[in-house]
Amino acid sequence: MLKSFYTAILYALENIRTNFFHTLLSVVGITIGVAALIIILSMIDGMEDYAENQISSTTSVKVVEISSVTTQSVDGVSIPRENPVVLTGEMHQDIISDIPVPFTTYRVARYSTQISANSQQIGSLVYFADEGYVGYYPQIQGSLFDEDADAETRRAVVSTVMAERIAGESYKPDKLIGSELEIDGKSYSVTGIVEGLSPSPEILIPINLLSAEQLQNHLPYITIEAGSVEDVPVVRKWVEEWRNSSSFTEEDIRIFSQDFRVDQATQGFMLFRIIMGLIVGISVIVGGIGVMNVLLISVTQRTKEIGVRKAVGSRKKDIYVQFLSESMVISLFGTLVGVVLGIVVSIAVSPIVHQIIEVPFRPAFSLVTIASITFFSLFIGILFGTFPAYKASQLSPIDALRRE
């Protein structure tokens, strides 16, 4: 069977070679259709990659945030809760103890206040945090605070913006280490300087220095960042199971993640991809009709040849396979040329698009997309080659030999 199919393919190639200009237009039809599909789908894939990168860079799509619910609804009005749940260090450790995927985590409470330093009053963002949060800051000078340090030793890490505000023009990192600053009437010793994450002055203080009353006034939240977006549902499910197994409910502790934004973008581009694929795919079908037209003409022109082959013993199946093979070869050749042409045009158009919209956009080529288009084109070739092949196989050898 395979040998006869291989022979039919070789025979089909020879017939296409001898009637090259005859089949050129049908090949061009499929080539243009496939190239158009490659260009459109690669552009859509590139748009999807760009959108996902933008979402990931502007929102924390890999983060699951756990926070206290601070309001309640009474008669449709949102009012503050009297005693919201305080997320303690013990809760934090309990939540993350057995998460089965890679992650990073921290607990932090933040607020804005005015601090005193070097006879100055400076507005600052104050973060009461653990070591996990401080790790996000590039260290400049000194040592990061030790969360297990004695509560009597009040230590603080300041941002470079805060350090420059304190020291002024004479700012030198090594000179600032050990200086004192006052926050809410309490004195803290500067033990380190980090590159800030915002243009505002920032101060980092160990969260274990907060009293129970301060924790109630400045409720901390817990952030768990998964190693990948795919792991976010696992982390979220794990945290929800922890909450369900505890005495807390959704009215006490809120669990939030933004991975759905990527899902929304993916669904939108999938819809766009399907619609554009169906529209542009019509051109491939038109190419398939061209293949069928060429093969029907070929059957008419080669009627006597078919009669001779049948007269010397060729079966209907042999004739059918021969013409179907020609359809497949034409479709495959047009598809391969179309794929190459589509990739070349997409790459050539990319700088033009970048120049017009001024964003780092580039087409994305997926093996799945290229393989799907190739199989679709072959299917179209087989589909539209079936009727001419069937018509050729049904010819009577006597009638075929009589026809001039």
Protein backbone atom coordinates (compact mmCIF):
# COMPACT_ATOMS: atom_id res chain seq x y z
CA MET A 1 0.00 0.00 0.00
CA LEU A 2 2.75 2.44 0.99
CA LYS A 3 4.75 1.51 -2.11
CA SER A 4 1.80 2.17 -4.42
CA PHE A 5 1.15 5.50 -2.66
CA TYR A 6 4.83 6.45 -3.02
CA THR A 7 4.69 5.56 -6.74
CA ALA A 8 1.54 7.68 -7.10
CA ILE A 9 3.30 10.65 -5.48
CA LEU A 10 6.25 10.35 -7.88
CA TYR A 11 3.88 10.09 -10.83
CA ALA A 12 1.97 13.12 -9.56
CA LEU A 13 5.17 15.14 -9.32
CA GLU A 14 6.08 14.22 -12.88
CA ASN A 15 2.63 15.26 -14.17
CA ILE A 16 2.85 18.56 -12.28
CA ARG A 17 6.31 19.19 -13.74
CA THR A 18 5.15 18.57 -17.29
CA ASN A 19 2.07 20.77 -16.75
CA PHE A 20 3.73 23.33 -14.48
CA PHE A 21 2.09 26.46 -15.90
CA HIS A 22 -1.22 24.63 -15.87
CA THR A 23 -1.08 24.23 -12.11
CA LEU A 24 0.69 27.53 -11.31
CA LEU A 25 -2.48 29.55 -10.68
CA SER A 26 -3.90 26.96 -8.28
CA VAL A 27 -0.60 26.88 -6.38
CA VAL A 28 -0.60 30.69 -6.24
CA GLY A 29 -4.13 30.65 -4.82
CA ILE A 30 -3.17 28.36 -1.94
CA THR A 31 0.14 30.19 -1.43
CA ILE A 32 -1.57 33.55 -1.02
CA GLY A 33 -4.18 32.08 1.31
CA VAL A 34 -1.60 30.37 3.55
CA ALA A 35 0.68 33.43 3.57
CA ALA A 36 -2.25 35.63 4.59
CA LEU A 37 -3.10 33.25 7.43
CA ILE A 38 0.52 33.19 8.63
CA ILE A 39 0.75 37.00 8.55
CA ILE A 40 -2.55 37.60 10.35
CA LEU A 41 -2.11 34.91 13.02
CA SER A 42 1.55 35.78 13.69
CA MET A 43 0.56 39.42 14.15
CA ILE A 44 -2.24 38.41 16.54
CA ASP A 45 0.16 36.14 18.47
CA GLY A 46 2.59 39.06 18.67
CA MET A 47 -0.17 41.36 19.93
CA GLU A 48 -1.10 38.77 22.56
CA ASP A 49 2.51 38.47 23.77
CA TYR A 50 2.81 42.25 23.92
CA ALA A 51 -0.47 42.57 25.83
CA GLU A 52 0.54 39.89 28.34
CA ASN A 53 3.90 41.58 28.90
CA GLN A 54 2.19 44.93 29.44
CA ILE A 55 -0.28 43.42 31.89
CA SER A 56 2.50 41.61 33.74
CA SER A 57 4.61 44.78 33.98
CA THR A 58 1.78 47.02 35.17
CA THR A 59 -0.09 44.60 37.45
CA SER A 60 1.08 41.89 39.81
CA VAL A 61 -0.49 38.96 37.94
CA LYS A 62 1.59 36.41 39.86
CA VAL A 63 0.57 37.75 43.27
CA VAL A 64 -2.05 36.49 45.71
CA GLU A 65 -2.82 39.12 48.33
CA ILE A 66 -4.36 38.32 51.70
CA SER A 67 -5.78 41.25 53.64
CA SER A 68 -8.19 42.03 56.46
CA VAL A 69 -11.71 43.12 55.61
CA THR A 70 -12.01 46.58 57.16
CA THR A 71 -15.62 47.44 56.27
CA GLN A 72 -19.04 45.86 56.52
CA SER A 73 -22.31 46.57 54.79
CA VAL A 74 -25.21 47.72 56.94
CA ASP A 75 -28.47 48.54 55.15
CA GLY A 76 -26.52 48.93 51.91
CA VAL A 77 -24.03 51.34 53.48
CA SER A 78 -20.34 50.45 53.87
CA ILE A 79 -19.09 51.28 57.37
CA PRO A 80 -15.77 50.55 59.15
CA ARG A 81 -15.55 47.34 61.18
CA GLU A 82 -14.85 47.75 64.87
CA ASN A 83 -12.34 44.90 65.26
CA PRO A 84 -10.99 43.70 61.93
CA VAL A 85 -8.82 40.58 61.89
CA VAL A 86 -5.10 41.24 62.34
CA LEU A 87 -2.90 39.01 60.18
CA THR A 88 -0.17 37.92 62.57
CA GLY A 89 3.21 36.38 61.89
CA GLU A 90 1.88 33.02 63.13
CA MET A 91 -0.94 33.17 60.58
CA HIS A 92 1.56 34.00 57.87
CA GLN A 93 3.70 30.98 58.67
CA ASP A 94 0.64 28.75 58.90
CA ILE A 95 -0.55 29.85 55.44
CA ILE A 96 2.74 29.31 53.63
CA SER A 97 3.94 26.22 55.51
CA ASP A 98 2.90 23.63 52.89
CA ILE A 99 2.30 25.51 49.62
CA PRO A 100 3.34 22.93 46.96
CA VAL A 101 4.71 25.35 44.31
CA PRO A 102 7.65 27.81 44.28
CA PHE A 103 6.84 31.22 45.76
CA THR A 104 8.15 34.29 47.57
CA THR A 105 6.23 36.00 50.33
CA TYR A 106 6.19 38.86 52.79
CA ARG A 107 3.98 40.57 55.37
CA VAL A 108 3.85 44.36 55.44
CA ALA A 109 1.88 47.26 56.93
CA ARG A 110 2.27 50.72 55.45
CA TYR A 111 1.12 54.24 56.08
CA SER A 112 2.21 57.84 55.52
CA THR A 113 3.44 60.11 58.29
CA GLN A 114 5.82 62.91 59.12
CA ILE A 115 9.18 61.97 60.63
CA SER A 116 11.84 64.01 62.38
CA ALA A 117 15.49 63.72 61.33
CA ASN A 118 18.44 66.07 61.52
CA SER A 119 16.18 68.89 62.78
CA GLN A 120 13.89 68.44 59.78
CA GLN A 121 10.27 67.41 59.35
CA ILE A 122 9.98 65.08 56.36
CA GLY A 123 6.92 63.38 54.92
CA SER A 124 7.56 59.71 54.40
CA LEU A 125 6.07 56.38 53.43
CA VAL A 126 6.66 54.02 56.35
CA TYR A 127 6.69 50.27 55.79
CA PHE A 128 6.58 47.87 58.74
CA ALA A 129 7.75 44.74 56.96
CA ASP A 130 9.52 41.43 57.26
CA GLU A 131 12.73 40.33 55.54
CA GLY A 132 10.84 39.04 52.49
CA TYR A 133 9.62 42.53 51.60
CA VAL A 134 12.99 44.20 52.14
CA GLY A 135 14.50 41.76 49.67
CA TYR A 136 12.78 43.64 46.84
CA TYR A 137 14.97 46.70 47.53
CA PRO A 138 18.51 46.85 46.09
CA GLN A 139 20.89 47.41 48.99
CA ILE A 140 23.19 50.43 48.81
CA GLN A 141 24.96 50.64 52.16
CA GLY A 142 24.89 49.16 55.66
CA SER A 143 22.98 46.07 56.75
CA LEU A 144 19.34 45.17 56.40
CA PHE A 145 17.53 44.98 59.70
CA ASP A 146 17.23 41.70 61.55
CA GLU A 147 13.60 40.79 62.13
CA ASP A 148 14.60 38.80 65.23
CA ALA A 149 16.41 41.75 66.77
CA ASP A 150 15.55 42.80 70.29
CA ALA A 151 12.41 44.93 70.35
CA GLU A 152 14.31 47.45 72.46
CA THR A 153 16.66 48.07 69.54
CA ARG A 154 14.64 50.12 67.11
CA ARG A 155 16.30 49.82 63.72
CA ALA A 156 15.30 51.35 60.39
CA VAL A 157 16.39 51.18 56.78
CA VAL A 158 15.90 54.30 54.67
CA SER A 159 15.69 54.81 50.93
CA THR A 160 18.26 56.88 49.05
CA VAL A 161 15.65 59.61 48.56
CA MET A 162 15.08 59.80 52.32
CA ALA A 163 18.84 59.68 52.97
CA GLU A 164 19.45 62.63 50.65
CA ARG A 165 16.63 64.58 52.30
CA ILE A 166 18.13 63.97 55.74
CA ALA A 167 21.77 64.72 54.88
CA GLY A 168 21.26 67.33 52.18
CA GLU A 169 24.22 68.24 49.98
CA SER A 170 26.64 66.56 52.38
CA TYR A 171 24.99 63.16 51.85
CA LYS A 172 27.40 60.25 52.24
CA PRO A 173 25.95 56.77 52.83
CA ASP A 174 28.59 55.73 55.35
CA LYS A 175 28.13 58.92 57.38
CA LEU A 176 24.34 58.41 57.66
CA ILE A 177 24.56 54.90 59.14
CA GLY A 178 23.97 55.09 62.87
CA SER A 179 22.13 58.42 62.78
CA GLU A 180 18.79 58.79 64.59
CA LEU A 181 15.31 59.60 63.33
CA GLU A 182 11.98 59.90 65.12
CA ILE A 183 8.71 58.33 64.01
CA ASP A 184 5.49 58.85 66.00
CA GLY A 185 7.48 59.90 69.06
CA LYS A 186 9.81 56.88 68.96
CA SER A 187 13.48 56.96 68.09
CA TYR A 188 14.99 54.65 65.45
CA SER A 189 18.60 54.04 64.43
CA VAL A 190 19.45 53.96 60.71
CA THR A 191 21.20 50.66 59.96
CA GLY A 192 21.00 50.52 56.15
CA ILE A 193 20.24 52.37 52.93
CA VAL A 194 18.40 50.88 49.95
CA GLU A 195 17.36 52.03 46.50
CA GLY A 196 13.73 53.10 46.90
CA LEU A 197 10.86 51.69 44.86
CA SER A 198 9.10 55.07 44.57
CA PRO A 199 10.15 58.70 44.12
CA SER A 200 8.92 59.48 47.64
CA PRO A 201 11.03 59.12 50.81
CA GLU A 202 10.66 55.61 52.29
CA ILE A 203 11.51 53.99 55.62
CA LEU A 204 11.52 50.26 56.34
CA ILE A 205 11.05 49.04 59.92
CA PRO A 206 10.82 45.45 61.23
CA ILE A 207 7.17 44.55 61.60
CA ASN A 208 7.86 42.74 64.88
CA LEU A 209 8.46 46.18 66.45
CA LEU A 210 4.76 47.01 66.08
CA SER A 211 2.66 46.61 69.21
CA ALA A 212 -0.77 44.96 69.13
CA GLU A 213 -2.38 48.40 69.21
CA GLN A 214 -0.24 49.63 66.32
CA LEU A 215 -1.05 46.51 64.30
CA GLN A 216 -4.75 47.23 64.85
CA ASN A 217 -4.26 50.80 63.61
CA HIS A 218 -2.02 49.79 60.68
CA LEU A 219 -3.37 46.44 59.49
CA PRO A 220 -0.73 44.35 57.70
CA TYR A 221 -1.39 42.33 54.59
CA ILE A 222 0.32 39.21 53.26
CA THR A 223 1.55 38.83 49.70
CA ILE A 224 2.46 35.49 48.11
CA GLU A 225 4.08 35.72 44.67
CA ALA A 226 3.97 32.48 42.71
CA GLY A 227 6.89 31.43 40.53
CA SER A 228 4.69 31.62 37.41
CA VAL A 229 1.21 32.77 36.41
CA GLU A 230 0.18 29.12 35.99
CA ASP A 231 0.87 28.51 39.71
CA VAL A 232 -1.35 31.38 40.91
CA PRO A 233 -4.57 29.27 41.00
CA VAL A 234 -2.71 26.66 43.09
CA VAL A 235 -1.57 29.27 45.61
CA ARG A 236 -5.00 30.90 45.75
CA LYS A 237 -6.72 27.54 46.27
CA TRP A 238 -4.26 26.70 49.05
CA VAL A 239 -4.93 30.01 50.85
CA GLU A 240 -8.69 29.56 50.47
CA GLU A 241 -8.43 26.07 51.99
CA TRP A 242 -6.49 27.56 54.92
CA ARG A 243 -9.22 30.16 55.45
CA ASN A 244 -11.98 27.57 55.21
CA SER A 245 -10.25 25.36 57.75
CA SER A 246 -9.88 28.26 60.19
CA SER A 247 -12.52 30.22 62.06
CA PHE A 248 -12.40 33.02 59.49
CA THR A 249 -14.74 33.66 56.54
CA GLU A 250 -14.82 35.86 53.45
CA GLU A 251 -16.23 38.59 55.66
CA ASP A 252 -13.06 38.52 57.78
CA ILE A 253 -10.20 37.88 55.34
CA ARG A 254 -10.07 38.87 51.67
CA ILE A 255 -8.08 36.87 49.10
CA PHE A 256 -7.32 38.66 45.85
CA SER A 257 -5.36 37.89 42.68
CA GLN A 258 -5.17 39.45 39.23
CA ASP A 259 -4.29 36.43 37.10
CA PHE A 260 -7.76 36.72 35.57
CA ARG A 261 -6.52 39.74 33.61
CA VAL A 262 -4.21 37.53 31.57
CA ASP A 263 -7.07 35.05 31.06
CA GLN A 264 -9.33 37.87 29.84
CA ALA A 265 -6.69 39.06 27.38
CA THR A 266 -6.05 35.50 26.18
CA GLN A 267 -9.78 34.88 25.61
CA GLY A 268 -10.12 38.16 23.72
CA PHE A 269 -7.21 37.39 21.41
CA MET A 270 -8.45 33.81 20.93
CA LEU A 271 -11.81 35.19 19.75
CA PHE A 272 -10.01 37.65 17.47
CA ARG A 273 -7.76 34.84 16.17
CA ILE A 274 -10.73 32.58 15.36
CA ILE A 275 -12.69 35.34 13.59
CA MET A 276 -9.73 36.53 11.51
CA GLY A 277 -8.71 32.94 10.82
CA LEU A 278 -12.17 32.14 9.45
CA ILE A 279 -12.21 35.27 7.30
CA VAL A 280 -8.72 34.82 5.85
CA GLY A 281 -9.21 31.04 5.64
CA ILE A 282 -11.73 31.66 2.84
CA SER A 283 -8.78 32.45 0.56
CA VAL A 284 -7.37 28.96 1.22
CA ILE A 285 -10.74 27.47 0.27
CA VAL A 286 -10.67 29.53 -2.93
CA GLY A 287 -7.25 28.04 -3.59
CA GLY A 288 -8.72 24.57 -3.03
CA ILE A 289 -11.40 25.31 -5.62
CA GLY A 290 -8.58 26.23 -8.01
CA VAL A 291 -6.95 22.86 -7.36
CA MET A 292 -10.22 21.08 -8.10
CA ASN A 293 -10.63 23.06 -11.32
CA VAL A 294 -7.11 22.20 -12.50
CA LEU A 295 -7.62 18.50 -11.73
CA LEU A 296 -10.97 18.41 -13.54
CA ILE A 297 -9.30 19.89 -16.61
CA SER A 298 -6.48 17.38 -16.17
CA VAL A 299 -8.97 14.49 -16.10
CA THR A 300 -10.50 15.75 -19.34
CA GLN A 301 -7.12 16.15 -21.03
CA ARG A 302 -5.79 12.78 -19.82
CA THR A 303 -8.90 10.69 -20.50
CA LYS A 304 -7.12 8.56 -23.09
CA GLU A 305 -4.17 8.01 -20.70
CA ILE A 306 -6.60 6.85 -18.01
CA GLY A 307 -8.20 4.46 -20.52
CA VAL A 308 -4.80 2.97 -21.43
CA ARG A 309 -3.85 2.51 -17.75
CA LYS A 310 -7.13 0.78 -17.03
CA ALA A 311 -6.77 -1.39 -20.11
CA VAL A 312 -3.39 -2.69 -18.91
CA GLY A 313 -4.68 -3.52 -15.45
CA SER A 314 -4.84 -0.39 -13.29
CA ARG A 315 -7.64 -0.54 -10.77
CA LYS A 316 -10.08 2.23 -9.88
CA LYS A 317 -8.22 2.65 -6.60
CA ASP A 318 -4.92 3.23 -8.45
CA ILE A 319 -6.41 5.99 -10.60
CA TYR A 320 -8.13 7.52 -7.55
CA VAL A 321 -4.90 7.55 -5.51
CA GLN A 322 -2.95 9.04 -8.42
CA PHE A 323 -5.20 12.09 -8.85
CA LEU A 324 -5.65 12.52 -5.10
CA SER A 325 -1.86 12.47 -4.77
CA GLU A 326 -1.58 15.25 -7.33
CA SER A 327 -4.04 17.31 -5.29
CA MET A 328 -2.04 16.72 -2.10
CA VAL A 329 1.27 17.60 -3.77
CA ILE A 330 -0.12 20.81 -5.23
CA SER A 331 -1.60 21.77 -1.85
CA LEU A 332 1.59 20.89 0.05
CA PHE A 333 3.82 22.82 -2.34
CA GLY A 334 1.56 25.88 -2.19
CA THR A 335 1.42 25.59 1.61
CA LEU A 336 5.19 25.44 2.07
CA VAL A 337 5.73 28.41 -0.22
CA GLY A 338 2.93 30.27 1.59
CA VAL A 339 4.46 29.58 5.01
CA VAL A 340 7.85 30.90 3.93
CA LEU A 341 6.28 33.93 2.22
CA GLY A 342 4.09 34.66 5.25
CA ILE A 343 7.05 34.54 7.67
CA VAL A 344 9.18 36.77 5.43
CA VAL A 345 6.40 39.35 4.97
CA SER A 346 5.59 39.35 8.71
CA ILE A 347 9.22 40.02 9.61
CA ALA A 348 9.43 42.74 6.93
CA VAL A 349 6.22 44.43 8.10
CA SER A 350 7.18 44.39 11.80
CA PRO A 351 9.57 47.42 11.63
CA ILE A 352 6.90 49.39 9.75
CA VAL A 353 4.31 48.64 12.44
CA HIS A 354 6.85 49.54 15.12
CA GLN A 355 7.58 52.84 13.38
CA ILE A 356 3.88 53.73 13.15
CA ILE A 357 2.71 52.83 16.68
CA GLU A 358 6.08 53.25 18.44
CA VAL A 359 5.81 50.17 20.66
CA PRO A 360 8.19 47.17 20.88
CA PHE A 361 5.86 44.96 18.85
CA ARG A 362 6.99 41.98 16.79
CA PRO A 363 5.16 38.99 15.26
CA ALA A 364 5.25 35.68 17.10
CA PHE A 365 5.52 32.41 15.19
CA SER A 366 4.04 29.35 16.82
CA LEU A 367 4.80 25.83 15.64
CA VAL A 368 1.24 24.90 16.59
CA THR A 369 -0.15 27.68 14.38
CA ILE A 370 2.07 26.76 11.41
CA ALA A 371 1.28 23.04 11.79
CA SER A 372 -2.47 23.78 12.03
CA ILE A 373 -2.39 25.88 8.86
CA THR A 374 -0.41 23.17 7.04
CA PHE A 375 -2.87 20.43 8.00
CA PHE A 376 -5.81 22.68 7.11
CA SER A 377 -4.37 23.35 3.64
CA LEU A 378 -3.71 19.65 3.08
CA PHE A 379 -7.25 18.87 4.17
CA ILE A 380 -8.58 21.43 1.69
CA GLY A 381 -6.42 19.89 -1.05
CA ILE A 382 -7.70 16.39 -0.27
CA LEU A 383 -11.30 17.60 0.04
CA PHE A 384 -11.36 19.39 -3.31
CA GLY A 385 -9.26 16.73 -4.99
CA THR A 386 -11.67 13.96 -4.04
CA PHE A 387 -14.27 14.67 -6.75
CA PRO A 388 -11.81 14.87 -9.69
CA ALA A 389 -10.08 11.72 -8.42
CA TYR A 390 -13.42 9.93 -8.11
CA LYS A 391 -14.48 11.08 -11.58
CA ALA A 392 -11.22 9.83 -13.10
CA SER A 393 -11.48 6.46 -11.35
CA GLN A 394 -15.02 5.89 -12.64
CA LEU A 395 -14.18 6.36 -16.32
CA SER A 396 -14.90 3.32 -18.47
CA PRO A 397 -11.68 2.18 -20.25
CA ILE A 398 -13.56 1.59 -23.52
CA ASP A 399 -15.19 5.06 -23.49
CA ALA A 400 -11.90 6.62 -22.43
CA LEU A 401 -9.96 5.03 -25.31
CA ARG A 402 -12.62 6.12 -27.84
CA ARG A 403 -12.42 9.78 -26.74
CA GLU A 404 -10.13 11.94 -28.87
